[in-house]
C-alpha atoms as a PDB file:
ATOM      1  CA  MET A   1     -32.635   5.614 -25.893  1.00  0.00           C
ATOM      2  CA  THR A   2     -35.662   4.531 -23.953  1.00  0.00           C
ATOM      3  CA  THR A   3     -36.701   6.257 -20.881  1.00  0.00           C
ATOM      4  CA  ASP A   4     -36.370   3.237 -19.226  1.00  0.00           C
ATOM      5  CA  ALA A   5     -32.763   2.680 -19.983  1.00  0.00           C
ATOM      6  CA  ARG A   6     -31.545   5.594 -19.695  1.00  0.00           C
ATOM      7  CA  ARG A   7     -32.474   5.657 -16.147  1.00  0.00           C
ATOM      8  CA  GLN A   8     -30.679   2.567 -15.893  1.00  0.00           C
ATOM      9  CA  SER A   9     -27.842   3.848 -17.386  1.00  0.00           C
ATOM     10  CA  ILE A  10     -27.764   6.313 -14.798  1.00  0.00           C
ATOM     11  CA  ALA A  11     -28.508   4.538 -12.311  1.00  0.00           C
ATOM     12  CA  ALA A  12     -25.260   2.499 -13.233  1.00  0.00           C
ATOM     13  CA  GLY A  13     -23.159   4.953 -14.121  1.00  0.00           C
ATOM     14  CA  ALA A  14     -24.279   5.788  -9.604  1.00  0.00           C
ATOM     15  CA  LEU A  15     -23.385   2.860  -8.191  1.00  0.00           C
ATOM     16  CA  ALA A  16     -19.914   2.569 -10.509  1.00  0.00           C
ATOM     17  CA  ALA A  17     -19.142   5.804  -8.654  1.00  0.00           C
ATOM     18  CA  PHE A  18     -20.212   5.317  -5.197  1.00  0.00           C
ATOM     19  CA  LYS A  19     -18.223   2.031  -5.584  1.00  0.00           C
ATOM     20  CA  GLY A  20     -15.761   4.093  -6.673  1.00  0.00           C
ATOM     21  CA  LEU A  21     -15.211   6.288  -3.346  1.00  0.00           C
ATOM     22  CA  VAL A  22     -16.154   3.382  -1.198  1.00  0.00           C
ATOM     23  CA  ARG A  23     -13.161   1.733  -2.344  1.00  0.00           C
ATOM     24  CA  THR A  24     -10.977   4.772  -2.873  1.00  0.00           C
ATOM     25  CA  SER A  25     -11.825   5.191   0.896  1.00  0.00           C
ATOM     26  CA  ARG A  26     -10.634   2.319   2.399  1.00  0.00           C
ATOM     27  CA  PRO A  27     -13.503   0.624   4.533  1.00  0.00           C
ATOM     28  CA  LEU A  28     -10.591  -1.249   6.921  1.00  0.00           C
ATOM     29  CA  GLY A  29      -9.961   2.642   6.814  1.00  0.00           C
ATOM     30  CA  TRP A  30     -13.280   2.752   9.064  1.00  0.00           C
ATOM     31  CA  VAL A  31     -12.722   0.603  11.042  1.00  0.00           C
ATOM     32  CA  ALA A  32      -9.375   1.542  12.419  1.00  0.00           C
ATOM     33  CA  ALA A  33     -10.628   5.252  12.786  1.00  0.00           C
ATOM     34  CA  LEU A  34     -13.868   4.682  14.666  1.00  0.00           C
ATOM     35  CA  ALA A  35     -12.329   1.883  16.773  1.00  0.00           C
ATOM     36  CA  LEU A  36      -9.502   4.433  17.836  1.00  0.00           C
ATOM     37  CA  PHE A  37     -11.884   7.349  18.016  1.00  0.00           C
ATOM     38  CA  ARG A  38     -14.475   4.999  20.354  1.00  0.00           C
ATOM     39  CA  ILE A  39     -11.449   3.564  22.461  1.00  0.00           C
ATOM     40  CA  GLY A  40     -10.285   7.266  22.847  1.00  0.00           C
ATOM     41  CA  MET A  41     -13.892   7.984  24.478  1.00  0.00           C
ATOM     42  CA  ALA A  42     -14.236   4.818  26.593  1.00  0.00           C
ATOM     43  CA  TYR A  43     -10.692   5.162  28.530  1.00  0.00           C
ATOM     44  CA  GLY A  44     -11.802   9.674  28.926  1.00  0.00           C
ATOM     45  CA  PHE A  45     -14.958   8.465  30.474  1.00  0.00           C
ATOM     46  CA  VAL A  46     -17.325  10.160  27.627  1.00  0.00           C
ATOM     47  CA  ASP A  47     -20.530  10.029  27.368  1.00  0.00           C
ATOM     48  CA  GLU A  48     -22.586   9.555  24.256  1.00  0.00           C
ATOM     49  CA  THR A  49     -24.006  12.994  23.020  1.00  0.00           C
ATOM     50  CA  PRO A  50     -24.817  14.086  19.000  1.00  0.00           C
ATOM     51  CA  VAL A  51     -21.640  15.257  18.640  1.00  0.00           C
ATOM     52  CA  THR A  52     -19.548  12.014  19.484  1.00  0.00           C
ATOM     53  CA  ILE A  53     -22.683  10.121  17.753  1.00  0.00           C
ATOM     54  CA  GLY A  54     -22.042  12.130  14.698  1.00  0.00           C
ATOM     55  CA  LEU A  55     -18.204  12.457  14.903  1.00  0.00           C
ATOM     56  CA  SER A  56     -18.257   8.362  14.905  1.00  0.00           C
ATOM     57  CA  VAL A  57     -20.061   8.601  11.529  1.00  0.00           C
ATOM     58  CA  VAL A  58     -17.993  11.434   9.844  1.00  0.00           C
ATOM     59  CA  LEU A  59     -15.038   9.573  11.223  1.00  0.00           C
ATOM     60  CA  THR A  60     -15.336   6.450   9.009  1.00  0.00           C
ATOM     61  CA  PHE A  61     -16.407   7.147   4.913  1.00  0.00           C
ATOM     62  CA  PRO A  62     -16.244  10.423   4.837  1.00  0.00           C
ATOM     63  CA  TYR A  63     -12.362  10.844   7.001  1.00  0.00           C
ATOM     64  CA  CYS A  64     -11.315   7.955   5.389  1.00  0.00           C
ATOM     65  CA  LEU A  65     -12.368   9.536   1.599  1.00  0.00           C
ATOM     66  CA  TYR A  66     -10.717  12.717   2.768  1.00  0.00           C
ATOM     67  CA  LEU A  67      -7.719  10.906   3.743  1.00  0.00           C
ATOM     68  CA  PHE A  68      -7.276   8.332   0.915  1.00  0.00           C
ATOM     69  CA  GLY A  69      -8.471  10.124  -2.014  1.00  0.00           C
ATOM     70  CA  LEU A  70      -5.697  12.965  -1.887  1.00  0.00           C
ATOM     71  CA  ASN A  71      -3.284   9.864  -1.344  1.00  0.00           C
ATOM     72  CA  ASP A  72      -4.609   8.142  -4.471  1.00  0.00           C
ATOM     73  CA  LEU A  73      -4.445  11.257  -6.415  1.00  0.00           C
ATOM     74  CA  ALA A  74      -0.740  12.290  -5.516  1.00  0.00           C
ATOM     75  CA  ASP A  75      -0.137   8.761  -6.315  1.00  0.00           C
ATOM     76  CA  GLU A  76      -1.406   7.899  -9.488  1.00  0.00           C
ATOM     77  CA  GLU A  77       1.446   7.142 -11.500  1.00  0.00           C
ATOM     78  CA  SER A  78       2.564   4.315  -8.665  1.00  0.00           C
ATOM     79  CA  ASP A  79      -0.506   3.288  -8.515  1.00  0.00           C
ATOM     80  CA  ARG A  80      -1.039   1.929 -11.810  1.00  0.00           C
ATOM     81  CA  LYS A  81       2.771  -0.282 -11.296  1.00  0.00           C
ATOM     82  CA  ASN A  82       1.585  -0.926  -7.714  1.00  0.00           C
ATOM     83  CA  PRO A  83       0.379  -5.042  -7.630  1.00  0.00           C
ATOM     84  CA  ARG A  84      -1.582  -3.794  -4.468  1.00  0.00           C
ATOM     85  CA  LYS A  85      -3.804  -1.722  -6.019  1.00  0.00           C
ATOM     86  CA  GLY A  86      -6.786  -1.533  -7.120  1.00  0.00           C
ATOM     87  CA  ASN A  87      -9.352  -3.977  -4.781  1.00  0.00           C
ATOM     88  CA  TRP A  88     -11.429  -3.370  -1.794  1.00  0.00           C
ATOM     89  CA  LEU A  89      -8.096  -3.074   0.836  1.00  0.00           C
ATOM     90  CA  HIS A  90      -5.690  -0.697  -1.379  1.00  0.00           C
ATOM     91  CA  GLY A  91      -7.695   1.108  -3.060  1.00  0.00           C
ATOM     92  CA  ALA A  92      -6.278   2.655  -6.271  1.00  0.00           C
ATOM     93  CA  SER A  93      -5.883   5.972  -8.294  1.00  0.00           C
ATOM     94  CA  GLU A  94      -8.861   7.027  -9.216  1.00  0.00           C
ATOM     95  CA  PRO A  95     -10.983   4.282  -8.869  1.00  0.00           C
ATOM     96  CA  VAL A  96     -14.158   6.716  -9.672  1.00  0.00           C
ATOM     97  CA  SER A  97     -14.815   6.583 -13.362  1.00  0.00           C
ATOM     98  CA  ARG A  98     -16.083  10.251 -13.116  1.00  0.00           C
ATOM     99  CA  PRO A  99     -12.004  12.042 -12.649  1.00  0.00           C
ATOM    100  CA  MET A 100     -13.902  15.615 -11.481  1.00  0.00           C
ATOM    101  CA  LEU A 101     -15.777  13.082  -9.040  1.00  0.00           C
ATOM    102  CA  ALA A 102     -12.834  11.530  -7.573  1.00  0.00           C
ATOM    103  CA  ARG A 103     -11.019  15.173  -7.505  1.00  0.00           C
ATOM    104  CA  VAL A 104     -13.656  16.888  -5.864  1.00  0.00           C
ATOM    105  CA  SER A 105     -14.993  13.901  -2.928  1.00  0.00           C
ATOM    106  CA  PRO A 106     -12.236  13.307  -0.931  1.00  0.00           C
ATOM    107  CA  TRP A 107     -12.649  18.094   0.096  1.00  0.00           C
ATOM    108  CA  VAL A 108     -16.622  17.110   0.391  1.00  0.00           C
ATOM    109  CA  GLY A 109     -15.370  14.334   2.924  1.00  0.00           C
ATOM    110  CA  GLY A 110     -13.037  16.669   4.042  1.00  0.00           C
ATOM    111  CA  ALA A 111     -15.670  19.793   5.465  1.00  0.00           C
ATOM    112  CA  ALA A 112     -18.270  16.861   6.453  1.00  0.00           C
ATOM    113  CA  VAL A 113     -15.673  16.563   9.085  1.00  0.00           C
ATOM    114  CA  VAL A 114     -14.546  20.589   9.879  1.00  0.00           C
ATOM    115  CA  MET A 115     -17.777  20.855  10.227  1.00  0.00           C
ATOM    116  CA  PHE A 116     -17.701  19.283  13.922  1.00  0.00           C
ATOM    117  CA  VAL A 117     -15.128  21.606  15.024  1.00  0.00           C
ATOM    118  CA  PRO A 118     -17.000  24.328  16.487  1.00  0.00           C
ATOM    119  CA  PHE A 119     -18.903  22.293  18.406  1.00  0.00           C
ATOM    120  CA  LEU A 120     -15.958  19.874  20.145  1.00  0.00           C
ATOM    121  CA  PRO A 121     -14.125  21.324  23.546  1.00  0.00           C
ATOM    122  CA  LEU A 122     -10.876  23.333  22.625  1.00  0.00           C
ATOM    123  CA  LYS A 123      -8.833  20.550  23.423  1.00  0.00           C
ATOM    124  CA  ALA A 124     -10.367  18.223  21.482  1.00  0.00           C
ATOM    125  CA  ALA A 125     -11.157  20.071  18.228  1.00  0.00           C
ATOM    126  CA  ALA A 126      -7.377  21.660  17.656  1.00  0.00           C
ATOM    127  CA  VAL A 127      -6.272  17.990  17.508  1.00  0.00           C
ATOM    128  CA  LEU A 128      -8.865  17.717  14.731  1.00  0.00           C
ATOM    129  CA  SER A 129      -7.767  19.956  12.837  1.00  0.00           C
ATOM    130  CA  GLY A 130      -4.054  19.220  13.428  1.00  0.00           C
ATOM    131  CA  ILE A 131      -5.110  16.081  12.083  1.00  0.00           C
ATOM    132  CA  LEU A 132      -7.283  17.060   9.090  1.00  0.00           C
ATOM    133  CA  LEU A 133      -4.406  19.364   7.912  1.00  0.00           C
ATOM    134  CA  ILE A 134      -1.781  17.178   8.157  1.00  0.00           C
ATOM    135  CA  SER A 135      -3.699  14.754   6.441  1.00  0.00           C
ATOM    136  CA  TRP A 136      -3.482  16.838   3.588  1.00  0.00           C
ATOM    137  CA  ALA A 137       0.520  17.961   3.866  1.00  0.00           C
ATOM    138  CA  TYR A 138       1.170  13.966   4.561  1.00  0.00           C
ATOM    139  CA  SER A 139      -0.249  14.112   0.038  1.00  0.00           C
ATOM    140  CA  CYS A 140      -0.402  16.656  -1.354  1.00  0.00           C
ATOM    141  CA  PRO A 141       2.641  19.608  -2.105  1.00  0.00           C
ATOM    142  CA  PRO A 142       3.672  21.702  -0.909  1.00  0.00           C
ATOM    143  CA  PHE A 143       4.356  19.891   1.704  1.00  0.00           C
ATOM    144  CA  ARG A 144       4.038  16.267   0.734  1.00  0.00           C
ATOM    145  CA  LEU A 145       5.441  14.231   3.621  1.00  0.00           C
ATOM    146  CA  LYS A 146       4.780  10.835   2.492  1.00  0.00           C
ATOM    147  CA  GLU A 147       8.485  11.123   0.805  1.00  0.00           C
ATOM    148  CA  VAL A 148       9.765  12.059   4.142  1.00  0.00           C
ATOM    149  CA  PRO A 149      12.075   9.526   5.514  1.00  0.00           C
ATOM    150  CA  ILE A 150      11.164   8.905   9.004  1.00  0.00           C
ATOM    151  CA  VAL A 151       8.795  11.557   9.695  1.00  0.00           C
ATOM    152  CA  ASP A 152       6.132   9.746   6.758  1.00  0.00           C
ATOM    153  CA  GLY A 153       6.278   7.840   9.835  1.00  0.00           C
ATOM    154  CA  LEU A 154       5.583   9.997  12.160  1.00  0.00           C
ATOM    155  CA  VAL A 155       2.644  11.434  10.764  1.00  0.00           C
ATOM    156  CA  THR A 156       0.992   8.349  10.359  1.00  0.00           C
ATOM    157  CA  ALA A 157       1.621   7.768  13.940  1.00  0.00           C
ATOM    158  CA  SER A 158       0.343  11.215  14.738  1.00  0.00           C
ATOM    159  CA  ILE A 159      -3.024  10.562  13.116  1.00  0.00           C
ATOM    160  CA  MET A 160      -3.633   7.415  15.058  1.00  0.00           C
ATOM    161  CA  ILE A 161      -2.881   8.968  17.880  1.00  0.00           C
ATOM    162  CA  GLY A 162      -4.932  12.374  16.761  1.00  0.00           C
ATOM    163  CA  LEU A 163      -8.235   9.768  16.726  1.00  0.00           C
ATOM    164  CA  LEU A 164      -7.845   8.584  19.752  1.00  0.00           C
ATOM    165  CA  GLY A 165      -7.113  11.806  21.678  1.00  0.00           C
ATOM    166  CA  ILE A 166     -10.322  13.350  19.824  1.00  0.00           C
ATOM    167  CA  GLY A 167     -12.419  10.469  21.714  1.00  0.00           C
ATOM    168  CA  TYR A 168     -10.764  10.811  24.924  1.00  0.00           C
ATOM    169  CA  LEU A 169     -10.962  15.080  24.853  1.00  0.00           C
ATOM    170  CA  SER A 170     -14.172  15.113  23.198  1.00  0.00           C
ATOM    171  CA  GLY A 171     -16.139  14.833  26.888  1.00  0.00           C
ATOM    172  CA  GLY A 172     -13.946  18.000  28.142  1.00  0.00           C
ATOM    173  CA  THR A 173     -11.581  16.269  30.447  1.00  0.00           C
ATOM    174  CA  GLN A 174      -8.655  18.262  31.628  1.00  0.00           C
ATOM    175  CA  VAL A 175      -6.948  14.214  32.577  1.00  0.00           C
ATOM    176  CA  PRO A 176      -3.476  14.672  31.008  1.00  0.00           C
ATOM    177  CA  ILE A 177      -3.904  11.759  27.390  1.00  0.00           C
ATOM    178  CA  PRO A 178      -2.070   8.526  29.185  1.00  0.00           C
ATOM    179  CA  MET A 179       1.832   8.049  28.107  1.00  0.00           C
ATOM    180  CA  GLU A 180       1.373   4.410  26.272  1.00  0.00           C
ATOM    181  CA  ALA A 181      -0.778   6.727  23.853  1.00  0.00           C
ATOM    182  CA  TYR A 182       2.068   8.252  22.848  1.00  0.00           C
ATOM    183  CA  ALA A 183       4.594   5.415  23.554  1.00  0.00           C
ATOM    184  CA  VAL A 184       3.247   3.528  20.807  1.00  0.00           C
ATOM    185  CA  THR A 185       4.835   6.458  18.445  1.00  0.00           C
ATOM    186  CA  PRO A 186       7.575   4.461  17.293  1.00  0.00           C
ATOM    187  CA  THR A 187       5.465   1.062  16.920  1.00  0.00           C
ATOM    188  CA  LEU A 188       2.869   2.979  14.109  1.00  0.00           C
ATOM    189  CA  ALA A 189       5.889   4.987  12.825  1.00  0.00           C
ATOM    190  CA  GLY A 190       7.561   1.751  12.404  1.00  0.00           C
ATOM    191  CA  LEU A 191       4.275  -0.010  10.683  1.00  0.00           C
ATOM    192  CA  HIS A 192       3.791   2.210   7.838  1.00  0.00           C
ATOM    193  CA  ILE A 193       7.536   2.425   7.084  1.00  0.00           C
ATOM    194  CA  PHE A 194       7.640  -1.644   6.796  1.00  0.00           C
ATOM    195  CA  ALA A 195       4.464  -0.806   4.110  1.00  0.00           C
ATOM    196  CA  SER A 196       6.352   1.146   1.942  1.00  0.00           C
ATOM    197  CA  VAL A 197       8.728  -1.809   1.355  1.00  0.00           C
ATOM    198  CA  VAL A 198       6.298  -3.864  -0.242  1.00  0.00           C
ATOM    199  CA  ASP A 199       5.678  -0.639  -2.373  1.00  0.00           C
ATOM    200  CA  VAL A 200       9.270   0.264  -3.215  1.00  0.00           C
ATOM    201  CA  GLU A 201       9.482  -0.671  -6.883  1.00  0.00           C
ATOM    202  CA  SER A 202       5.894   1.021  -7.657  1.00  0.00           C
ATOM    203  CA  ASP A 203       7.580   4.248  -5.911  1.00  0.00           C
ATOM    204  CA  ARG A 204      11.189   4.209  -7.657  1.00  0.00           C
ATOM    205  CA  GLU A 205       9.170   3.715 -11.020  1.00  0.00           C
ATOM    206  CA  ALA A 206       7.291   6.944 -10.115  1.00  0.00           C
ATOM    207  CA  GLY A 207       9.784   8.890  -8.999  1.00  0.00           C
ATOM    208  CA  HIS A 208       8.836   8.789  -4.659  1.00  0.00           C
ATOM    209  CA  ARG A 209      11.797   8.911  -2.673  1.00  0.00           C
ATOM    210  CA  THR A 210      10.472   6.359   0.314  1.00  0.00           C
ATOM    211  CA  LEU A 211      12.629   5.259   2.809  1.00  0.00           C
ATOM    212  CA  ALA A 212      12.121   1.999   0.912  1.00  0.00           C
ATOM    213  CA  VAL A 213      13.391   3.825  -1.598  1.00  0.00           C
ATOM    214  CA  ARG A 214      16.544   5.394  -0.220  1.00  0.00           C
ATOM    215  CA  LEU A 215      17.767   2.647   1.371  1.00  0.00           C
ATOM    216  CA  GLY A 216      16.798  -0.491  -0.273  1.00  0.00           C
ATOM    217  CA  PRO A 217      13.802  -2.381   0.956  1.00  0.00           C
ATOM    218  CA  ARG A 218      16.155  -4.040   3.861  1.00  0.00           C
ATOM    219  CA  GLY A 219      17.233  -0.882   5.241  1.00  0.00           C
ATOM    220  CA  ALA A 220      13.955   0.666   5.471  1.00  0.00           C
ATOM    221  CA  GLY A 221      12.385  -2.999   7.160  1.00  0.00           C
ATOM    222  CA  ALA A 222      16.351  -2.341   9.480  1.00  0.00           C
ATOM    223  CA  VAL A 223      13.924   0.729  11.019  1.00  0.00           C
ATOM    224  CA  ALA A 224      11.046  -0.168  11.189  1.00  0.00           C
ATOM    225  CA  LEU A 225      12.307  -3.249  13.122  1.00  0.00           C
ATOM    226  CA  VAL A 226      14.179  -0.784  15.688  1.00  0.00           C
ATOM    227  CA  LEU A 227      11.640   1.073  15.676  1.00  0.00           C
ATOM    228  CA  SER A 228       8.954  -1.207  16.897  1.00  0.00           C
ATOM    229  CA  LEU A 229      11.503  -2.676  19.127  1.00  0.00           C
ATOM    230  CA  SER A 230      11.615   0.761  20.691  1.00  0.00           C
ATOM    231  CA  THR A 231       7.747  -0.082  21.961  1.00  0.00           C
ATOM    232  CA  VAL A 232       8.565  -3.401  23.097  1.00  0.00           C
ATOM    233  CA  GLY A 233      11.432  -1.905  25.933  1.00  0.00           C
ATOM    234  CA  THR A 234       8.606   0.226  26.910  1.00  0.00           C
ATOM    235  CA  ILE A 235       6.259  -3.039  28.024  1.00  0.00           C
ATOM    236  CA  PRO A 236       7.624  -3.217  31.308  1.00  0.00           C
ATOM    237  CA  LEU A 237       7.865   0.738  32.471  1.00  0.00           C
ATOM    238  CA  LEU A 238       4.566   1.549  31.565  1.00  0.00           C
ATOM    239  CA  GLN A 239       0.883  -0.039  31.818  1.00  0.00           C
ATOM    240  CA  TYR A 240       0.055  -0.873  28.157  1.00  0.00           C
ATOM    241  CA  ALA A 241      -3.046  -2.861  27.411  1.00  0.00           C
ATOM    242  CA  GLU A 242      -2.654  -6.478  27.649  1.00  0.00           C
ATOM    243  CA  PRO A 243      -4.135  -6.624  23.519  1.00  0.00           C
ATOM    244  CA  ILE A 244      -1.290  -3.362  22.799  1.00  0.00           C
ATOM    245  CA  ALA A 245       1.680  -4.836  24.610  1.00  0.00           C
ATOM    246  CA  ILE A 246       0.949  -8.488  22.977  1.00  0.00           C
ATOM    247  CA  TYR A 247       0.567  -6.646  19.461  1.00  0.00           C
ATOM    248  CA  THR A 248       3.692  -4.338  19.687  1.00  0.00           C
ATOM    249  CA  VAL A 249       5.553  -8.055  20.289  1.00  0.00           C
ATOM    250  CA  ILE A 250       3.513  -9.585  16.850  1.00  0.00           C
ATOM    251  CA  GLN A 251       4.191  -6.547  14.921  1.00  0.00           C
ATOM    252  CA  ALA A 252       8.330  -6.762  15.972  1.00  0.00           C
ATOM    253  CA  CYS A 253       8.940 -10.474  15.412  1.00  0.00           C
ATOM    254  CA  VAL A 254       6.718 -10.428  12.377  1.00  0.00           C
ATOM    255  CA  VAL A 255       9.902  -7.849  10.633  1.00  0.00           C
ATOM    256  CA  GLY A 256      12.776  -9.538  12.718  1.00  0.00           C
ATOM    257  CA  ILE A 257      11.695 -12.964  11.468  1.00  0.00           C
ATOM    258  CA  TRP A 258      10.928 -11.509   7.498  1.00  0.00           C
ATOM    259  CA  MET A 259      14.694  -9.868   7.990  1.00  0.00           C
ATOM    260  CA  ILE A 260      15.748 -13.340   8.492  1.00  0.00           C
ATOM    261  CA  VAL A 261      14.334 -15.664   6.029  1.00  0.00           C
ATOM    262  CA  PRO A 262      12.408 -12.787   3.667  1.00  0.00           C
ATOM    263  CA  ARG A 263      11.614 -15.920   0.826  1.00  0.00           C
ATOM    264  CA  TRP A 264       9.691 -17.945   3.201  1.00  0.00           C
ATOM    265  CA  LEU A 265       7.769 -14.815   4.703  1.00  0.00           C
ATOM    266  CA  THR A 266       7.419 -12.272   2.016  1.00  0.00           C
ATOM    267  CA  ALA A 267       6.977  -8.782   2.447  1.00  0.00           C
ATOM    268  CA  ARG A 268       3.535  -8.606   1.669  1.00  0.00           C
ATOM    269  CA  ARG A 269       2.950 -11.175   3.907  1.00  0.00           C
ATOM    270  CA  ALA A 270       4.130 -10.179   6.981  1.00  0.00           C
ATOM    271  CA  ILE A 271       2.640  -6.252   6.131  1.00  0.00           C
ATOM    272  CA  THR A 272      -0.738  -8.761   5.524  1.00  0.00           C
ATOM    273  CA  ILE A 273       0.148 -10.159   9.312  1.00  0.00           C
ATOM    274  CA  VAL A 274       0.616  -7.666  11.049  1.00  0.00           C
ATOM    275  CA  GLY A 275      -2.047  -5.181   9.628  1.00  0.00           C
ATOM    276  CA  VAL A 276      -4.502  -7.710  10.187  1.00  0.00           C
ATOM    277  CA  SER A 277      -3.117  -7.958  14.046  1.00  0.00           C
ATOM    278  CA  GLY A 278      -3.333  -4.291  14.066  1.00  0.00           C
ATOM    279  CA  ILE A 279      -6.829  -4.271  13.208  1.00  0.00           C
ATOM    280  CA  LEU A 280      -8.472  -7.519  15.042  1.00  0.00           C
ATOM    281  CA  THR A 281      -6.607  -5.124  17.980  1.00  0.00           C
ATOM    282  CA  LEU A 282      -8.168  -2.263  17.637  1.00  0.00           C
ATOM    283  CA  VAL A 283     -12.289  -3.983  16.995  1.00  0.00           C
ATOM    284  CA  TYR A 284     -11.287  -6.386  20.275  1.00  0.00           C
ATOM    285  CA  LEU A 285      -9.989  -3.073  22.256  1.00  0.00           C
ATOM    286  CA  ALA A 286     -13.240  -0.868  21.655  1.00  0.00           C
ATOM    287  CA  LEU A 287     -15.807  -3.859  21.364  1.00  0.00           C
ATOM    288  CA  VAL A 288     -14.502  -5.974  24.168  1.00  0.00           C
ATOM    289  CA  TYR A 289     -11.087  -4.882  26.163  1.00  0.00           C
ATOM    290  CA  VAL A 290     -12.385  -1.238  27.407  1.00  0.00           C
ATOM    291  CA  ARG A 291     -15.552  -2.085  28.157  1.00  0.00           C
ATOM    292  CA  GLY A 292     -14.559  -4.531  31.412  1.00  0.00           C
ATOM    293  CA  TRP A 293     -11.705  -1.447  31.892  1.00  0.00           C
END
């Protein structure tokens, strides 16, 4: 092999590995994490600093590589059988051609986030540390919270609310996080539980004891619907941002329609509608709504 050919081969391998890492990190996850952090900053009236700029970077690719990379490694067997996997949206088990890189890279991503903990106010540092801890406990033994029904959804909700909280608290404010941020917990938990309905067959074959595996798709869907409606019921009582209120209603309606006519609105289509609605809501909040608040 000539020198030029060797260089091209090395470059092609490096590019393939990088693409695999990006796919593992779920680029849409970058959008969600960054939007939640920036929305929290806006509501907390936090000024831009080198620390907030740095966090805005590491909470995208590095953090999502840590979160989803650990999850993919733990779910390698079920992901092979899951038709949703193997793409830029849902990632895949070990999409990186070099196994050692696939196993080491999530921890490198996590380390990049940890570096900012000492530079944050105490409360924000505690929340960031907590998010990193539960992100690990979600996928990895001995806890493997992903297989603990209801708790798995609460972990997802905690991560999302925590990302918002880091932004809100990163300026050192002593004002408590608004109640509305916590009140969406049932909706976020319901979203996670409903997503497990789509993966029920691959999870069952791999022996993962998710709520959808334990109760069946309809049972898990019913729990997701009840949780979603729990948040909708608080809309008259709290002062939600209009986009958030609209999203909670959309999620409850979509899950409800799936429960009634699952052949017309499949679970995969339903979770796609809900997921796209959620991303658009966060982006709108971060770029438009909060700016005029």
